[in-house]
Each structure stands twice: as C-alpha cells, then as structure tokens.
PDB file of N, CA and C in Angstrom:
ATOM      1  N   MET A   1      36.686-157.620  -2.000  1.00  0.00           N
ATOM      2  CA  MET A   1      36.560-157.379  -3.411  1.00  0.00           C
ATOM      3  C   MET A   1      37.035-158.565  -4.274  1.00  0.00           C
ATOM      4  N   ARG A   2      36.231-159.055  -5.036  1.00  0.00           N
ATOM      5  CA  ARG A   2      36.662-160.221  -5.917  1.00  0.00           C
ATOM      6  C   ARG A   2      37.524-159.580  -7.048  1.00  0.00           C
ATOM      7  N   SER A   3      38.422-160.564  -7.584  1.00  0.00           N
ATOM      8  CA  SER A   3      39.225-160.120  -8.668  1.00  0.00           C
ATOM      9  C   SER A   3      38.415-159.858  -9.935  1.00  0.00           C
ATOM     10  N   ILE A   4      38.953-159.011 -10.811  1.00  0.00           N
ATOM     11  CA  ILE A   4      38.301-158.730 -12.017  1.00  0.00           C
ATOM     12  C   ILE A   4      38.174-160.047 -12.876  1.00  0.00           C
ATOM     13  N   GLU A   5      39.271-160.946 -12.793  1.00  0.00           N
ATOM     14  CA  GLU A   5      39.217-162.107 -13.632  1.00  0.00           C
ATOM     15  C   GLU A   5      38.171-163.093 -13.195  1.00  0.00           C
ATOM     16  N   ALA A   6      38.000-163.193 -11.880  1.00  0.00           N
ATOM     17  CA  ALA A   6      36.941-164.115 -11.334  1.00  0.00           C
ATOM     18  C   ALA A   6      35.545-163.617 -11.700  1.00  0.00           C
ATOM     19  N   ARG A   7      35.339-162.333 -11.571  1.00  0.00           N
ATOM     20  CA  ARG A   7      34.027-161.777 -11.978  1.00  0.00           C
ATOM     21  C   ARG A   7      33.825-161.929 -13.454  1.00  0.00           C
ATOM     22  N   PHE A   8      34.904-161.697 -14.285  1.00  0.00           N
ATOM     23  CA  PHE A   8      34.770-161.757 -15.717  1.00  0.00           C
ATOM     24  C   PHE A   8      34.309-163.140 -16.059  1.00  0.00           C
ATOM     25  N   ASN A   9      35.015-164.229 -15.506  1.00  0.00           N
ATOM     26  CA  ASN A   9      34.716-165.590 -15.775  1.00  0.00           C
ATOM     27  C   ASN A   9      33.273-165.929 -15.501  1.00  0.00           C
ATOM     28  N   ARG A  10      32.662-165.307 -14.466  1.00  0.00           N
ATOM     29  CA  ARG A  10      31.330-165.586 -14.081  1.00  0.00           C
ATOM     30  C   ARG A  10      30.384-164.932 -15.207  1.00  0.00           C
ATOM     31  N   PHE A  11      30.571-163.788 -15.651  1.00  0.00           N
ATOM     32  CA  PHE A  11      29.813-163.125 -16.618  1.00  0.00           C
ATOM     33  C   PHE A  11      30.060-163.618 -17.989  1.00  0.00           C
ATOM     34  N   ASN A  12      31.173-164.096 -18.323  1.00  0.00           N
ATOM     35  CA  ASN A  12      31.576-164.555 -19.637  1.00  0.00           C
ATOM     36  C   ASN A  12      30.959-165.910 -20.081  1.00  0.00           C
ATOM     37  N   LYS A  13      30.323-166.555 -19.093  1.00  0.00           N
ATOM     38  CA  LYS A  13      29.593-167.807 -19.411  1.00  0.00           C
ATOM     39  C   LYS A  13      28.311-167.520 -20.208  1.00  0.00           C
ATOM     40  N   LYS A  14      27.829-166.340 -20.122  1.00  0.00           N
ATOM     41  CA  LYS A  14      26.621-165.986 -20.907  1.00  0.00           C
ATOM     42  C   LYS A  14      26.960-165.653 -22.416  1.00  0.00           C
ATOM     43  N   PRO A  15      26.154-165.748 -23.288  1.00  0.00           N
ATOM     44  CA  PRO A  15      26.467-165.588 -24.659  1.00  0.00           C
ATOM     45  C   PRO A  15      26.599-164.059 -25.032  1.00  0.00           C
ATOM     46  N   VAL A  16      27.547-163.411 -24.549  1.00  0.00           N
ATOM     47  CA  VAL A  16      27.793-161.995 -24.832  1.00  0.00           C
ATOM     48  C   VAL A  16      29.178-161.805 -25.279  1.00  0.00           C
ATOM     49  N   SER A  17      29.552-160.651 -25.796  1.00  0.00           N
ATOM     50  CA  SER A  17      30.981-160.273 -26.119  1.00  0.00           C
ATOM     51  C   SER A  17      31.769-160.275 -24.847  1.00  0.00           C
ATOM     52  N   SER A  18      33.082-160.512 -24.963  1.00  0.00           N
ATOM     53  CA  SER A  18      33.976-160.357 -23.894  1.00  0.00           C
ATOM     54  C   SER A  18      34.014-159.015 -23.241  1.00  0.00           C
ATOM     55  N   TYR A  19      33.744-157.957 -24.184  1.00  0.00           N
ATOM     56  CA  TYR A  19      33.710-156.575 -23.617  1.00  0.00           C
ATOM     57  C   TYR A  19      32.594-156.285 -22.683  1.00  0.00           C
ATOM     58  N   LEU A  20      31.371-156.915 -23.134  1.00  0.00           N
ATOM     59  CA  LEU A  20      30.208-156.684 -22.263  1.00  0.00           C
ATOM     60  C   LEU A  20      30.450-157.414 -20.891  1.00  0.00           C
ATOM     61  N   ALA A  21      30.946-158.684 -21.008  1.00  0.00           N
ATOM     62  CA  ALA A  21      31.250-159.443 -19.778  1.00  0.00           C
ATOM     63  C   ALA A  21      32.199-158.658 -18.934  1.00  0.00           C
ATOM     64  N   PHE A  22      33.248-158.082 -19.423  1.00  0.00           N
ATOM     65  CA  PHE A  22      34.257-157.377 -18.719  1.00  0.00           C
ATOM     66  C   PHE A  22      33.601-156.118 -18.114  1.00  0.00           C
ATOM     67  N   SER A  23      32.677-155.402 -18.883  1.00  0.00           N
ATOM     68  CA  SER A  23      31.929-154.219 -18.341  1.00  0.00           C
ATOM     69  C   SER A  23      31.149-154.635 -17.146  1.00  0.00           C
ATOM     70  N   ASN A  24      30.502-155.680 -17.227  1.00  0.00           N
ATOM     71  CA  ASN A  24      29.683-156.213 -16.045  1.00  0.00           C
ATOM     72  C   ASN A  24      30.521-156.593 -14.862  1.00  0.00           C
ATOM     73  N   ALA A  25      31.764-157.048 -15.184  1.00  0.00           N
ATOM     74  CA  ALA A  25      32.639-157.532 -14.083  1.00  0.00           C
ATOM     75  C   ALA A  25      33.178-156.335 -13.262  1.00  0.00           C
ATOM     76  N   VAL A  26      33.424-155.114 -13.905  1.00  0.00           N
ATOM     77  CA  VAL A  26      33.983-153.977 -13.212  1.00  0.00           C
ATOM     78  C   VAL A  26      32.952-153.087 -12.724  1.00  0.00           C
ATOM     79  N   LYS A  27      31.719-153.169 -13.140  1.00  0.00           N
ATOM     80  CA  LYS A  27      30.624-152.216 -12.895  1.00  0.00           C
ATOM     81  C   LYS A  27      30.480-152.131 -11.298  1.00  0.00           C
ATOM     82  N   GLY A  28      30.620-150.833 -10.808  1.00  0.00           N
ATOM     83  CA  GLY A  28      30.456-150.490  -9.442  1.00  0.00           C
ATOM     84  C   GLY A  28      31.425-151.118  -8.472  1.00  0.00           C
ATOM     85  N   GLN A  29      32.480-151.662  -8.862  1.00  0.00           N
ATOM     86  CA  GLN A  29      33.388-152.448  -8.047  1.00  0.00           C
ATOM     87  C   GLN A  29      34.565-151.598  -7.543  1.00  0.00           C
ATOM     88  N   GLY A  30      34.779-150.423  -8.108  1.00  0.00           N
ATOM     89  CA  GLY A  30      35.885-149.500  -7.632  1.00  0.00           C
ATOM     90  C   GLY A  30      37.303-149.943  -7.941  1.00  0.00           C
ATOM     91  N   PHE A  31      37.498-150.680  -9.058  1.00  0.00           N
ATOM     92  CA  PHE A  31      38.819-151.051  -9.487  1.00  0.00           C
ATOM     93  C   PHE A  31      39.596-149.821  -9.909  1.00  0.00           C
ATOM     94  N   SER A  32      40.901-149.951  -9.805  1.00  0.00           N
ATOM     95  CA  SER A  32      41.812-148.886 -10.262  1.00  0.00           C
ATOM     96  C   SER A  32      41.893-148.955 -11.721  1.00  0.00           C
ATOM     97  N   ARG A  33      42.378-147.806 -12.313  1.00  0.00           N
ATOM     98  CA  ARG A  33      42.509-147.760 -13.766  1.00  0.00           C
ATOM     99  C   ARG A  33      43.686-148.725 -14.162  1.00  0.00           C
ATOM    100  N   ASP A  34      44.706-148.943 -13.401  1.00  0.00           N
ATOM    101  CA  ASP A  34      45.762-149.782 -13.739  1.00  0.00           C
ATOM    102  C   ASP A  34      45.237-151.270 -13.766  1.00  0.00           C
ATOM    103  N   SER A  35      44.466-151.601 -12.761  1.00  0.00           N
ATOM    104  CA  SER A  35      43.912-152.934 -12.693  1.00  0.00           C
ATOM    105  C   SER A  35      43.023-153.160 -13.896  1.00  0.00           C
ATOM    106  N   ILE A  36      42.131-152.196 -14.290  1.00  0.00           N
ATOM    107  CA  ILE A  36      41.296-152.304 -15.380  1.00  0.00           C
ATOM    108  C   ILE A  36      42.014-152.526 -16.603  1.00  0.00           C
ATOM    109  N   SER A  37      43.092-151.662 -16.813  1.00  0.00           N
ATOM    110  CA  SER A  37      43.796-151.725 -18.102  1.00  0.00           C
ATOM    111  C   SER A  37      44.541-153.028 -18.235  1.00  0.00           C
ATOM    112  N   ARG A  38      45.188-153.489 -17.194  1.00  0.00           N
ATOM    113  CA  ARG A  38      45.964-154.792 -17.310  1.00  0.00           C
ATOM    114  C   ARG A  38      44.940-155.963 -17.598  1.00  0.00           C
ATOM    115  N   ASN A  39      43.886-156.015 -16.936  1.00  0.00           N
ATOM    116  CA  ASN A  39      42.864-157.106 -17.162  1.00  0.00           C
ATOM    117  C   ASN A  39      42.183-156.970 -18.473  1.00  0.00           C
ATOM    118  N   PHE A  40      41.971-155.743 -18.900  1.00  0.00           N
ATOM    119  CA  PHE A  40      41.307-155.503 -20.204  1.00  0.00           C
ATOM    120  C   PHE A  40      42.165-156.151 -21.337  1.00  0.00           C
ATOM    121  N   VAL A  41      43.492-155.899 -21.293  1.00  0.00           N
ATOM    122  CA  VAL A  41      44.415-156.566 -22.242  1.00  0.00           C
ATOM    123  C   VAL A  41      44.407-158.089 -22.141  1.00  0.00           C
ATOM    124  N   LYS A  42      44.330-158.569 -20.927  1.00  0.00           N
ATOM    125  CA  LYS A  42      44.392-159.979 -20.684  1.00  0.00           C
ATOM    126  C   LYS A  42      43.101-160.759 -21.046  1.00  0.00           C
ATOM    127  N   LEU A  43      41.941-160.029 -20.861  1.00  0.00           N
ATOM    128  CA  LEU A  43      40.655-160.834 -20.971  1.00  0.00           C
ATOM    129  C   LEU A  43      39.781-160.526 -22.061  1.00  0.00           C
ATOM    130  N   VAL A  44      39.829-159.302 -22.587  1.00  0.00           N
ATOM    131  CA  VAL A  44      38.893-158.903 -23.696  1.00  0.00           C
ATOM    132  C   VAL A  44      39.567-159.233 -25.078  1.00  0.00           C
ATOM    133  N   TYR A  45      38.665-159.966 -25.770  1.00  0.00           N
ATOM    134  CA  TYR A  45      39.251-160.357 -27.095  1.00  0.00           C
ATOM    135  C   TYR A  45      39.477-159.237 -28.078  1.00  0.00           C
ATOM    136  N   ARG A  46      40.543-159.224 -28.742  1.00  0.00           N
ATOM    137  CA  ARG A  46      40.943-158.099 -29.587  1.00  0.00           C
ATOM    138  C   ARG A  46      39.878-157.883 -30.749  1.00  0.00           C
ATOM    139  N   ASP A  47      39.111-158.868 -31.101  1.00  0.00           N
ATOM    140  CA  ASP A  47      38.073-158.799 -32.134  1.00  0.00           C
ATOM    141  C   ASP A  47      36.878-157.997 -31.639  1.00  0.00           C
ATOM    142  N   ASP A  48      36.792-157.833 -30.296  1.00  0.00           N
ATOM    143  CA  ASP A  48      35.629-157.179 -29.723  1.00  0.00           C
ATOM    144  C   ASP A  48      35.789-155.610 -29.596  1.00  0.00           C
ATOM    145  N   TYR A  49      36.976-155.089 -30.058  1.00  0.00           N
ATOM    146  CA  TYR A  49      37.128-153.633 -30.041  1.00  0.00           C
ATOM    147  C   TYR A  49      38.145-153.218 -31.026  1.00  0.00           C
ATOM    148  N   LEU A  50      38.125-152.011 -31.434  1.00  0.00           N
ATOM    149  CA  LEU A  50      39.148-151.427 -32.369  1.00  0.00           C
ATOM    150  C   LEU A  50      40.274-150.902 -31.535  1.00  0.00           C
ATOM    151  N   LYS A  51      41.424-151.067 -31.960  1.00  0.00           N
ATOM    152  CA  LYS A  51      42.659-150.634 -31.243  1.00  0.00           C
ATOM    153  C   LYS A  51      42.601-149.157 -30.949  1.00  0.00           C
ATOM    154  N   LYS A  52      42.113-148.341 -31.936  1.00  0.00           N
ATOM    155  CA  LYS A  52      42.142-146.893 -31.760  1.00  0.00           C
ATOM    156  C   LYS A  52      41.156-146.459 -30.668  1.00  0.00           C
ATOM    157  N   ASP A  53      40.212-147.341 -30.309  1.00  0.00           N
ATOM    158  CA  ASP A  53      39.150-146.985 -29.260  1.00  0.00           C
ATOM    159  C   ASP A  53      39.557-147.427 -27.903  1.00  0.00           C
ATOM    160  N   LYS A  54      40.716-148.119 -27.803  1.00  0.00           N
ATOM    161  CA  LYS A  54      41.036-148.726 -26.504  1.00  0.00           C
ATOM    162  C   LYS A  54      41.094-147.780 -25.317  1.00  0.00           C
ATOM    163  N   LYS A  55      41.686-146.537 -25.532  1.00  0.00           N
ATOM    164  CA  LYS A  55      41.851-145.618 -24.474  1.00  0.00           C
ATOM    165  C   LYS A  55      40.370-145.128 -24.011  1.00  0.00           C
ATOM    166  N   GLN A  56      39.519-144.811 -24.950  1.00  0.00           N
ATOM    167  CA  GLN A  56      38.173-144.386 -24.659  1.00  0.00           C
ATOM    168  C   GLN A  56      37.307-145.482 -23.943  1.00  0.00           C
ATOM    169  N   LEU A  57      37.626-146.713 -24.316  1.00  0.00           N
ATOM    170  CA  LEU A  57      36.924-147.787 -23.658  1.00  0.00           C
ATOM    171  C   LEU A  57      37.424-147.993 -22.241  1.00  0.00           C
ATOM    172  N   ILE A  58      38.686-147.804 -22.035  1.00  0.00           N
ATOM    173  CA  ILE A  58      39.204-147.989 -20.706  1.00  0.00           C
ATOM    174  C   ILE A  58      38.751-146.753 -19.755  1.00  0.00           C
ATOM    175  N   ASP A  59      38.673-145.562 -20.373  1.00  0.00           N
ATOM    176  CA  ASP A  59      38.096-144.414 -19.655  1.00  0.00           C
ATOM    177  C   ASP A  59      36.686-144.701 -19.162  1.00  0.00           C
ATOM    178  N   HIS A  60      35.929-145.321 -20.122  1.00  0.00           N
ATOM    179  CA  HIS A  60      34.458-145.576 -19.838  1.00  0.00           C
ATOM    180  C   HIS A  60      34.425-146.652 -18.733  1.00  0.00           C
ATOM    181  N   LEU A  61      35.292-147.709 -18.849  1.00  0.00           N
ATOM    182  CA  LEU A  61      35.197-148.713 -17.855  1.00  0.00           C
ATOM    183  C   LEU A  61      35.684-148.221 -16.470  1.00  0.00           C
ATOM    184  N   GLU A  62      36.566-147.352 -16.444  1.00  0.00           N
ATOM    185  CA  GLU A  62      36.999-146.660 -15.208  1.00  0.00           C
ATOM    186  C   GLU A  62      35.809-145.951 -14.536  1.00  0.00           C
ATOM    187  N   ASN A  63      35.113-145.160 -15.390  1.00  0.00           N
ATOM    188  CA  ASN A  63      33.968-144.387 -14.865  1.00  0.00           C
ATOM    189  C   ASN A  63      32.893-145.376 -14.465  1.00  0.00           C
ATOM    190  N   LEU A  64      32.684-146.455 -15.183  1.00  0.00           N
ATOM    191  CA  LEU A  64      31.596-147.433 -14.841  1.00  0.00           C
ATOM    192  C   LEU A  64      31.989-148.188 -13.510  1.00  0.00           C
ATOM    193  N   SER A  65      33.274-148.442 -13.357  1.00  0.00           N
ATOM    194  CA  SER A  65      33.720-149.129 -12.087  1.00  0.00           C
ATOM    195  C   SER A  65      33.466-148.225 -10.852  1.00  0.00           C
ATOM    196  N   ASN A  66      33.678-146.938 -10.986  1.00  0.00           N
ATOM    197  CA  ASN A  66      33.525-145.985  -9.935  1.00  0.00           C
ATOM    198  C   ASN A  66      32.196-145.327  -9.744  1.00  0.00           C
ATOM    199  N   SER A  67      31.358-145.421 -10.739  1.00  0.00           N
ATOM    200  CA  SER A  67      30.142-144.670 -10.821  1.00  0.00           C
ATOM    201  C   SER A  67      29.107-145.038  -9.710  1.00  0.00           C
ATOM    202  N   LEU A  68      28.871-146.235  -9.458  1.00  0.00           N
ATOM    203  CA  LEU A  68      27.907-146.659  -8.468  1.00  0.00           C
ATOM    204  C   LEU A  68      28.392-146.529  -7.037  1.00  0.00           C
ATOM    205  N   ARG A  69      29.668-146.687  -6.864  1.00  0.00           N
ATOM    206  CA  ARG A  69      30.299-146.485  -5.555  1.00  0.00           C
ATOM    207  C   ARG A  69      30.133-145.095  -5.082  1.00  0.00           C
ATOM    208  N   SER A  70      30.250-144.102  -5.953  1.00  0.00           N
ATOM    209  CA  SER A  70      30.207-142.687  -5.530  1.00  0.00           C
ATOM    210  C   SER A  70      28.845-142.250  -5.021  1.00  0.00           C
ATOM    211  N   THR A  71      27.727-142.982  -5.510  1.00  0.00           N
ATOM    212  CA  THR A  71      26.403-142.629  -5.066  1.00  0.00           C
ATOM    213  C   THR A  71      26.075-143.417  -3.760  1.00  0.00           C
ATOM    214  N   GLN A  72      26.778-144.289  -3.341  1.00  0.00           N
ATOM    215  CA  GLN A  72      26.438-144.977  -2.045  1.00  0.00           C
ATOM    216  C   GLN A  72      26.777-144.184  -0.856  1.00  0.00           C
TER     217      GLN A  72
END
C-alpha cells in the first residue's frame, strides 16, 4: 500500500482542488480513519473546505477509502 501522501502528490499535479486530489488518493485503498484524518489536515488546503464540514468530509473519505475494497 502506497502512502496517502505519495498518492496525493501524484493526483495533485492535475489542476484540481486539493480535496479532489486527496479523494482520489484514498479511493479504494483501505486507509484507516486515523491515517485519513492526519493526512487530511496535512495535505488539504484549508481554503478547499469549511471547518464546520470537516467531520462529514472525513466520514465520506473513510467510506470512499473502504468502499471498493468491500466489493472485491
């Protein structure tokens, strides 16, 4: 499993928001909530989300990270 940061850097080269790059980086990779949360704070620009939405975004990212793995 590649690190979230390495995958993020690969996706962040395209002209998209840091949140979308982060979403692509965790998609189907089975990362833990703790790992997603720590890297979210480290990598996603604060201008790309509202502080009040952070918990919901991390919930969504956790589901996204585990969604494809559960169907395999």
